[in-house]
PDB file of all heavy atoms in Angstrom:
ATOM      1  N   ALA A   1      98.318 142.815  86.022  1.00  0.00           N
ATOM      2  CA  ALA A   1      97.003 143.441  85.705  1.00  0.00           C
ATOM      3  C   ALA A   1      96.918 143.711  84.221  1.00  0.00           C
ATOM      4  O   ALA A   1      97.874 144.172  83.599  1.00  0.00           O
ATOM      5  CB  ALA A   1      96.829 144.724  86.510  1.00  0.00           C
ATOM      6  N   ALA A   2      95.722 143.404  83.688  1.00  0.00           N
ATOM      7  CA  ALA A   2      95.519 143.648  82.242  1.00  0.00           C
ATOM      8  C   ALA A   2      95.465 145.132  81.971  1.00  0.00           C
ATOM      9  O   ALA A   2      94.748 145.880  82.633  1.00  0.00           O
ATOM     10  CB  ALA A   2      94.217 142.990  81.774  1.00  0.00           C
ATOM     11  N   SER A   3      96.225 145.552  81.028  1.00  0.00           N
ATOM     12  CA  SER A   3      96.240 146.989  80.689  1.00  0.00           C
ATOM     13  C   SER A   3      95.113 147.277  79.713  1.00  0.00           C
ATOM     14  O   SER A   3      94.855 146.492  78.804  1.00  0.00           O
ATOM     15  CB  SER A   3      97.595 147.336  80.047  1.00  0.00           C
ATOM     16  OG  SER A   3      97.781 146.572  78.883  1.00  0.00           O
ATOM     17  N   PRO A   4      94.431 148.364  79.931  1.00  0.00           N
ATOM     18  CA  PRO A   4      93.303 148.696  79.029  1.00  0.00           C
ATOM     19  C   PRO A   4      93.799 148.960  77.629  1.00  0.00           C
ATOM     20  O   PRO A   4      94.886 149.482  77.424  1.00  0.00           O
ATOM     21  CB  PRO A   4      92.708 149.947  79.669  1.00  0.00           C
ATOM     22  CG  PRO A   4      93.827 150.560  80.453  1.00  0.00           C
ATOM     23  CD  PRO A   4      94.665 149.401  80.932  1.00  0.00           C
ATOM     24  N   LEU A   5      92.940 148.573  76.651  1.00  0.00           N
ATOM     25  CA  LEU A   5      93.296 148.831  75.268  1.00  0.00           C
ATOM     26  C   LEU A   5      93.207 150.320  74.984  1.00  0.00           C
ATOM     27  O   LEU A   5      92.308 151.013  75.483  1.00  0.00           O
ATOM     28  CB  LEU A   5      92.337 148.069  74.329  1.00  0.00           C
ATOM     29  CG  LEU A   5      92.437 146.533  74.399  1.00  0.00           C
ATOM     30  CD1 LEU A   5      91.359 145.907  73.535  1.00  0.00           C
ATOM     31  CD2 LEU A   5      93.829 146.061  73.988  1.00  0.00           C
ATOM     32  N   PRO A   6      94.080 150.799  74.217  1.00  0.00           N
ATOM     33  CA  PRO A   6      94.013 152.232  73.904  1.00  0.00           C
ATOM     34  C   PRO A   6      92.794 152.516  73.044  1.00  0.00           C
ATOM     35  O   PRO A   6      92.395 151.734  72.203  1.00  0.00           O
ATOM     36  CB  PRO A   6      95.321 152.476  73.140  1.00  0.00           C
ATOM     37  CG  PRO A   6      95.667 151.144  72.545  1.00  0.00           C
ATOM     38  CD  PRO A   6      95.217 150.125  73.547  1.00  0.00           C
ATOM     39  N   ALA A   7      92.178 153.710  73.304  1.00  0.00           N
ATOM     40  CA  ALA A   7      90.996 154.126  72.523  1.00  0.00           C
ATOM     41  C   ALA A   7      91.428 154.498  71.128  1.00  0.00           C
ATOM     42  O   ALA A   7      92.518 155.021  70.930  1.00  0.00           O
ATOM     43  CB  ALA A   7      90.323 155.322  73.212  1.00  0.00           C
ATOM     44  N   PRO A   8      90.603 154.193  70.166  1.00  0.00           N
ATOM     45  CA  PRO A   8      90.952 154.584  68.799  1.00  0.00           C
ATOM     46  C   PRO A   8      90.992 156.095  68.680  1.00  0.00           C
ATOM     47  O   PRO A   8      90.324 156.810  69.410  1.00  0.00           O
ATOM     48  CB  PRO A   8      89.809 153.973  67.965  1.00  0.00           C
ATOM     49  CG  PRO A   8      88.684 153.805  68.913  1.00  0.00           C
ATOM     50  CD  PRO A   8      89.307 153.495  70.247  1.00  0.00           C
ATOM     51  N   THR A   9      91.763 156.525  67.782  1.00  0.00           N
ATOM     52  CA  THR A   9      91.917 157.966  67.604  1.00  0.00           C
ATOM     53  C   THR A   9      91.469 158.359  66.214  1.00  0.00           C
ATOM     54  O   THR A   9      91.432 157.549  65.298  1.00  0.00           O
ATOM     55  CB  THR A   9      93.390 158.369  67.787  1.00  0.00           C
ATOM     56  OG1 THR A   9      94.181 157.640  66.846  1.00  0.00           O
ATOM     57  CG2 THR A   9      93.860 158.065  69.182  1.00  0.00           C
ATOM     58  N   VAL A  10      91.100 159.611  66.107  1.00  0.00           N
ATOM     59  CA  VAL A  10      90.695 160.175  64.825  1.00  0.00           C
ATOM     60  C   VAL A  10      91.655 161.283  64.499  1.00  0.00           C
ATOM     61  O   VAL A  10      91.895 162.167  65.331  1.00  0.00           O
ATOM     62  CB  VAL A  10      89.250 160.711  64.881  1.00  0.00           C
ATOM     63  CG1 VAL A  10      88.896 161.383  63.558  1.00  0.00           C
ATOM     64  CG2 VAL A  10      88.286 159.583  65.183  1.00  0.00           C
ATOM     65  N   ILE A  11      92.232 161.175  63.335  1.00  0.00           N
ATOM     66  CA  ILE A  11      93.193 162.196  62.929  1.00  0.00           C
ATOM     67  C   ILE A  11      92.449 163.268  62.171  1.00  0.00           C
ATOM     68  O   ILE A  11      91.801 163.024  61.170  1.00  0.00           O
ATOM     69  CB  ILE A  11      94.294 161.586  62.036  1.00  0.00           C
ATOM     70  CG1 ILE A  11      95.031 160.475  62.786  1.00  0.00           C
ATOM     71  CG2 ILE A  11      95.254 162.651  61.542  1.00  0.00           C
ATOM     72  CD1 ILE A  11      96.053 159.768  61.956  1.00  0.00           C
ATOM     73  N   GLY A  12      92.462 164.453  62.683  1.00  0.00           N
ATOM     74  CA  GLY A  12      91.781 165.578  62.044  1.00  0.00           C
ATOM     75  C   GLY A  12      92.733 166.709  61.820  1.00  0.00           C
ATOM     76  O   GLY A  12      93.912 166.648  62.148  1.00  0.00           O
ATOM     77  N   GLY A  13      92.184 167.772  61.312  1.00  0.00           N
ATOM     78  CA  GLY A  13      93.025 168.925  61.049  1.00  0.00           C
ATOM     79  C   GLY A  13      93.543 169.559  62.308  1.00  0.00           C
ATOM     80  O   GLY A  13      94.582 170.188  62.333  1.00  0.00           O
ATOM     81  N   GLY A  14      92.839 169.410  63.435  1.00  0.00           N
ATOM     82  CA  GLY A  14      93.270 170.083  64.657  1.00  0.00           C
ATOM     83  C   GLY A  14      94.058 169.192  65.557  1.00  0.00           C
ATOM     84  O   GLY A  14      94.261 169.495  66.722  1.00  0.00           O
ATOM     85  N   GLY A  15      94.491 168.006  65.112  1.00  0.00           N
ATOM     86  CA  GLY A  15      95.266 167.120  65.981  1.00  0.00           C
ATOM     87  C   GLY A  15      94.564 165.806  66.137  1.00  0.00           C
ATOM     88  O   GLY A  15      93.629 165.469  65.416  1.00  0.00           O
ATOM     89  N   VAL A  16      95.044 165.062  67.095  1.00  0.00           N
ATOM     90  CA  VAL A  16      94.522 163.722  67.317  1.00  0.00           C
ATOM     91  C   VAL A  16      93.604 163.764  68.522  1.00  0.00           C
ATOM     92  O   VAL A  16      93.992 164.224  69.584  1.00  0.00           O
ATOM     93  CB  VAL A  16      95.673 162.731  67.564  1.00  0.00           C
ATOM     94  CG1 VAL A  16      95.115 161.347  67.850  1.00  0.00           C
ATOM     95  CG2 VAL A  16      96.593 162.701  66.354  1.00  0.00           C
ATOM     96  N   ALA A  17      92.346 163.308  68.368  1.00  0.00           N
ATOM     97  CA  ALA A  17      91.375 163.341  69.461  1.00  0.00           C
ATOM     98  C   ALA A  17      90.867 161.942  69.704  1.00  0.00           C
ATOM     99  O   ALA A  17      90.555 161.214  68.763  1.00  0.00           O
ATOM    100  CB  ALA A  17      90.204 164.256  69.107  1.00  0.00           C
ATOM    101  N   PRO A  18      90.789 161.535  70.968  1.00  0.00           N
ATOM    102  CA  PRO A  18      90.273 160.203  71.275  1.00  0.00           C
ATOM    103  C   PRO A  18      88.781 160.111  71.013  1.00  0.00           C
ATOM    104  O   PRO A  18      88.053 161.080  71.171  1.00  0.00           O
ATOM    105  CB  PRO A  18      90.592 160.029  72.756  1.00  0.00           C
ATOM    106  CG  PRO A  18      90.660 161.407  73.288  1.00  0.00           C
ATOM    107  CD  PRO A  18      91.206 162.263  72.177  1.00  0.00           C
ATOM    108  N   VAL A  19      88.326 158.958  70.579  1.00  0.00           N
ATOM    109  CA  VAL A  19      86.908 158.732  70.337  1.00  0.00           C
ATOM    110  C   VAL A  19      86.406 157.722  71.343  1.00  0.00           C
ATOM    111  O   VAL A  19      86.991 156.658  71.501  1.00  0.00           O
ATOM    112  CB  VAL A  19      86.678 158.198  68.903  1.00  0.00           C
ATOM    113  CG1 VAL A  19      85.192 157.892  68.699  1.00  0.00           C
ATOM    114  CG2 VAL A  19      87.181 159.195  67.886  1.00  0.00           C
ATOM    115  N   ALA A  20      85.300 158.079  72.048  1.00  0.00           N
ATOM    116  CA  ALA A  20      84.759 157.180  73.071  1.00  0.00           C
ATOM    117  C   ALA A  20      84.216 155.936  72.407  1.00  0.00           C
ATOM    118  O   ALA A  20      83.665 155.986  71.303  1.00  0.00           O
ATOM    119  CB  ALA A  20      83.654 157.885  73.850  1.00  0.00           C
ATOM    120  N   PRO A  21      84.363 154.804  73.054  1.00  0.00           N
ATOM    121  CA  PRO A  21      83.825 153.567  72.475  1.00  0.00           C
ATOM    122  C   PRO A  21      82.318 153.615  72.376  1.00  0.00           C
ATOM    123  O   PRO A  21      81.649 154.178  73.239  1.00  0.00           O
ATOM    124  CB  PRO A  21      84.285 152.490  73.467  1.00  0.00           C
ATOM    125  CG  PRO A  21      84.550 153.215  74.738  1.00  0.00           C
ATOM    126  CD  PRO A  21      85.044 154.579  74.337  1.00  0.00           C
ATOM    127  N   THR A  22      81.753 153.095  71.317  1.00  0.00           N
ATOM    128  CA  THR A  22      80.315 153.125  71.070  1.00  0.00           C
ATOM    129  C   THR A  22      79.652 151.929  71.723  1.00  0.00           C
ATOM    130  O   THR A  22      80.087 150.797  71.536  1.00  0.00           O
ATOM    131  CB  THR A  22      80.026 153.101  69.560  1.00  0.00           C
ATOM    132  OG1 THR A  22      80.728 154.198  68.959  1.00  0.00           O
ATOM    133  CG2 THR A  22      78.547 153.225  69.283  1.00  0.00           C
ATOM    134  N   ALA A  23      78.558 152.242  72.488  1.00  0.00           N
ATOM    135  CA  ALA A  23      77.822 151.152  73.141  1.00  0.00           C
ATOM    136  C   ALA A  23      77.018 150.405  72.104  1.00  0.00           C
ATOM    137  O   ALA A  23      76.555 150.981  71.111  1.00  0.00           O
ATOM    138  CB  ALA A  23      76.899 151.723  74.222  1.00  0.00           C
ATOM    139  N   PRO A  24      76.828 149.137  72.274  1.00  0.00           N
ATOM    140  CA  PRO A  24      76.029 148.370  71.304  1.00  0.00           C
ATOM    141  C   PRO A  24      74.593 148.863  71.254  1.00  0.00           C
ATOM    142  O   PRO A  24      74.017 149.222  72.277  1.00  0.00           O
ATOM    143  CB  PRO A  24      76.113 146.936  71.838  1.00  0.00           C
ATOM    144  CG  PRO A  24      76.461 147.075  73.279  1.00  0.00           C
ATOM    145  CD  PRO A  24      77.326 148.296  73.373  1.00  0.00           C
ATOM    146  N   THR A  25      74.011 148.942  70.062  1.00  0.00           N
ATOM    147  CA  THR A  25      72.651 149.441  69.877  1.00  0.00           C
ATOM    148  C   THR A  25      71.652 148.380  70.295  1.00  0.00           C
ATOM    149  O   THR A  25      71.728 147.234  69.867  1.00  0.00           O
ATOM    150  CB  THR A  25      72.413 149.805  68.399  1.00  0.00           C
ATOM    151  OG1 THR A  25      73.411 150.746  68.005  1.00  0.00           O
ATOM    152  CG2 THR A  25      71.028 150.400  68.201  1.00  0.00           C
ATOM    153  N   ALA A  26      70.669 148.843  71.144  1.00  0.00           N
ATOM    154  CA  ALA A  26      69.640 147.899  71.599  1.00  0.00           C
ATOM    155  C   ALA A  26      68.661 147.646  70.474  1.00  0.00           C
ATOM    156  O   ALA A  26      68.355 148.541  69.686  1.00  0.00           O
ATOM    157  CB  ALA A  26      68.915 148.470  72.811  1.00  0.00           C
ATOM    158  N   PRO A  27      68.132 146.501  70.326  1.00  0.00           N
ATOM    159  CA  PRO A  27      67.164 146.219  69.258  1.00  0.00           C
ATOM    160  C   PRO A  27      65.871 147.007  69.474  1.00  0.00           C
ATOM    161  O   PRO A  27      65.449 147.222  70.612  1.00  0.00           O
ATOM    162  CB  PRO A  27      66.927 144.712  69.387  1.00  0.00           C
ATOM    163  CG  PRO A  27      67.289 144.389  70.798  1.00  0.00           C
ATOM    164  CD  PRO A  27      68.401 145.327  71.159  1.00  0.00           C
ATOM    165  N   ALA A  28      65.265 147.461  68.394  1.00  0.00           N
ATOM    166  CA  ALA A  28      64.024 148.233  68.493  1.00  0.00           C
ATOM    167  C   ALA A  28      62.899 147.361  69.021  1.00  0.00           C
ATOM    168  O   ALA A  28      62.795 146.180  68.695  1.00  0.00           O
ATOM    169  CB  ALA A  28      63.643 148.792  67.116  1.00  0.00           C
ATOM    170  N   VAL A  29      62.048 148.027  69.856  1.00  0.00           N
ATOM    171  CA  VAL A  29      60.907 147.295  70.420  1.00  0.00           C
ATOM    172  C   VAL A  29      59.860 147.146  69.342  1.00  0.00           C
ATOM    173  O   VAL A  29      59.448 148.129  68.712  1.00  0.00           O
ATOM    174  CB  VAL A  29      60.347 148.041  71.637  1.00  0.00           C
ATOM    175  CG1 VAL A  29      59.158 147.281  72.223  1.00  0.00           C
ATOM    176  CG2 VAL A  29      61.446 148.224  72.678  1.00  0.00           C
ATOM    177  N   SER A  30      59.420 145.992  69.110  1.00  0.00           N
ATOM    178  CA  SER A  30      58.437 145.756  68.044  1.00  0.00           C
ATOM    179  C   SER A  30      57.043 146.118  68.546  1.00  0.00           C
ATOM    180  O   SER A  30      56.781 146.115  69.742  1.00  0.00           O
ATOM    181  CB  SER A  30      58.478 144.289  67.615  1.00  0.00           C
ATOM    182  OG  SER A  30      58.177 143.467  68.730  1.00  0.00           O
ATOM    183  N   ALA A  31      56.147 146.456  67.617  1.00  0.00           N
ATOM    184  CA  ALA A  31      54.765 146.798  67.962  1.00  0.00           C
ATOM    185  C   ALA A  31      54.028 145.552  68.399  1.00  0.00           C
ATOM    186  O   ALA A  31      54.437 144.427  68.125  1.00  0.00           O
ATOM    187  CB  ALA A  31      54.084 147.427  66.745  1.00  0.00           C
ATOM    188  N   LEU A  32      52.911 145.787  69.091  1.00  0.00           N
ATOM    189  CA  LEU A  32      52.097 144.662  69.526  1.00  0.00           C
ATOM    190  C   LEU A  32      51.547 143.936  68.311  1.00  0.00           C
ATOM    191  O   LEU A  32      51.237 144.559  67.281  1.00  0.00           O
ATOM    192  CB  LEU A  32      50.952 145.160  70.403  1.00  0.00           C
ATOM    193  CG  LEU A  32      51.374 145.760  71.755  1.00  0.00           C
ATOM    194  CD1 LEU A  32      50.149 146.299  72.483  1.00  0.00           C
ATOM    195  CD2 LEU A  32      52.062 144.696  72.608  1.00  0.00           C
ATOM    196  N   PRO A  33      51.406 142.662  68.393  1.00  0.00           N
ATOM    197  CA  PRO A  33      50.882 141.926  67.237  1.00  0.00           C
ATOM    198  C   PRO A  33      49.427 142.288  66.979  1.00  0.00           C
ATOM    199  O   PRO A  33      48.691 142.669  67.883  1.00  0.00           O
ATOM    200  CB  PRO A  33      51.029 140.468  67.656  1.00  0.00           C
ATOM    201  CG  PRO A  33      51.040 140.499  69.157  1.00  0.00           C
ATOM    202  CD  PRO A  33      51.723 141.779  69.531  1.00  0.00           C
ATOM    203  N   GLY A  34      48.990 142.181  65.743  1.00  0.00           N
ATOM    204  CA  GLY A  34      47.610 142.474  65.380  1.00  0.00           C
ATOM    205  C   GLY A  34      47.554 143.396  64.180  1.00  0.00           C
ATOM    206  O   GLY A  34      48.539 144.025  63.811  1.00  0.00           O
ATOM    207  N   ALA A  35      46.383 143.500  63.579  1.00  0.00           N
ATOM    208  CA  ALA A  35      46.205 144.345  62.408  1.00  0.00           C
ATOM    209  C   ALA A  35      46.169 145.806  62.826  1.00  0.00           C
ATOM    210  O   ALA A  35      45.518 146.167  63.797  1.00  0.00           O
ATOM    211  CB  ALA A  35      44.908 143.969  61.690  1.00  0.00           C
ATOM    212  N   ALA A  36      46.886 146.660  62.084  1.00  0.00           N
ATOM    213  CA  ALA A  36      46.902 148.089  62.384  1.00  0.00           C
ATOM    214  C   ALA A  36      45.572 148.712  61.983  1.00  0.00           C
ATOM    215  O   ALA A  36      45.012 148.391  60.943  1.00  0.00           O
ATOM    216  CB  ALA A  36      48.053 148.763  61.640  1.00  0.00           C
ATOM    217  N   ARG A  37      45.068 149.640  62.839  1.00  0.00           N
ATOM    218  CA  ARG A  37      43.818 150.321  62.553  1.00  0.00           C
ATOM    219  C   ARG A  37      44.133 151.687  61.966  1.00  0.00           C
ATOM    220  O   ARG A  37      44.808 152.487  62.605  1.00  0.00           O
ATOM    221  CB  ARG A  37      42.990 150.472  63.835  1.00  0.00           C
ATOM    222  CG  ARG A  37      42.438 149.148  64.346  1.00  0.00           C
ATOM    223  CD  ARG A  37      41.819 149.296  65.704  1.00  0.00           C
ATOM    224  NE  ARG A  37      41.170 148.071  66.147  1.00  0.00           N
ATOM    225  CZ  ARG A  37      40.668 147.883  67.361  1.00  0.00           C
ATOM    226  NH1 ARG A  37      40.758 148.832  68.264  1.00  0.00           N
ATOM    227  NH2 ARG A  37      40.097 146.737  67.674  1.00  0.00           N
ATOM    228  N   VAL A  38      43.645 151.926  60.799  1.00  0.00           N
ATOM    229  CA  VAL A  38      43.918 153.181  60.107  1.00  0.00           C
ATOM    230  C   VAL A  38      42.587 153.839  59.759  1.00  0.00           C
ATOM    231  O   VAL A  38      41.574 153.158  59.555  1.00  0.00           O
ATOM    232  CB  VAL A  38      44.740 152.944  58.831  1.00  0.00           C
ATOM    233  CG1 VAL A  38      46.120 152.422  59.172  1.00  0.00           C
ATOM    234  CG2 VAL A  38      44.026 152.007  57.880  1.00  0.00           C
ATOM    235  N   PRO A  39      42.576 155.193  59.681  1.00  0.00           N
ATOM    236  CA  PRO A  39      41.334 155.882  59.287  1.00  0.00           C
ATOM    237  C   PRO A  39      40.897 155.465  57.892  1.00  0.00           C
ATOM    238  O   PRO A  39      41.681 155.015  57.066  1.00  0.00           O
ATOM    239  CB  PRO A  39      41.736 157.358  59.342  1.00  0.00           C
ATOM    240  CG  PRO A  39      42.942 157.411  60.226  1.00  0.00           C
ATOM    241  CD  PRO A  39      43.650 156.118  60.024  1.00  0.00           C
ATOM    242  N   LEU A  40      39.617 155.649  57.646  1.00  0.00           N
ATOM    243  CA  LEU A  40      39.050 155.263  56.371  1.00  0.00           C
ATOM    244  C   LEU A  40      39.506 156.229  55.279  1.00  0.00           C
ATOM    245  O   LEU A  40      39.399 157.445  55.411  1.00  0.00           O
ATOM    246  CB  LEU A  40      37.516 155.268  56.453  1.00  0.00           C
ATOM    247  CG  LEU A  40      36.754 154.746  55.240  1.00  0.00           C
ATOM    248  CD1 LEU A  40      37.139 153.313  54.962  1.00  0.00           C
ATOM    249  CD2 LEU A  40      35.251 154.859  55.493  1.00  0.00           C
ATOM    250  N   SER A  41      40.043 155.687  54.221  1.00  0.00           N
ATOM    251  CA  SER A  41      40.529 156.489  53.100  1.00  0.00           C
ATOM    252  C   SER A  41      39.872 155.994  51.820  1.00  0.00           C
ATOM    253  O   SER A  41      39.967 154.816  51.486  1.00  0.00           O
ATOM    254  CB  SER A  41      42.056 156.408  52.988  1.00  0.00           C
ATOM    255  OG  SER A  41      42.522 157.124  51.860  1.00  0.00           O
ATOM    256  N   VAL A  42      39.179 156.922  51.138  1.00  0.00           N
ATOM    257  CA  VAL A  42      38.478 156.571  49.909  1.00  0.00           C
ATOM    258  C   VAL A  42      38.896 157.564  48.832  1.00  0.00           C
ATOM    259  O   VAL A  42      38.941 158.768  49.065  1.00  0.00           O
ATOM    260  CB  VAL A  42      36.944 156.605  50.099  1.00  0.00           C
ATOM    261  CG1 VAL A  42      36.242 156.154  48.821  1.00  0.00           C
ATOM    262  CG2 VAL A  42      36.534 155.732  51.267  1.00  0.00           C
TER     263      VAL A  42
END
């Protein structure tokens, strides 16, 4: 059986604490196509 990789650790002043693996960031949802409507500014 494949053994899990050890989690990276962070060495701090209070000892060694495991850091949870970071999930990959999902890409931002883009706005609908088209010209943006903005209030009239003069």
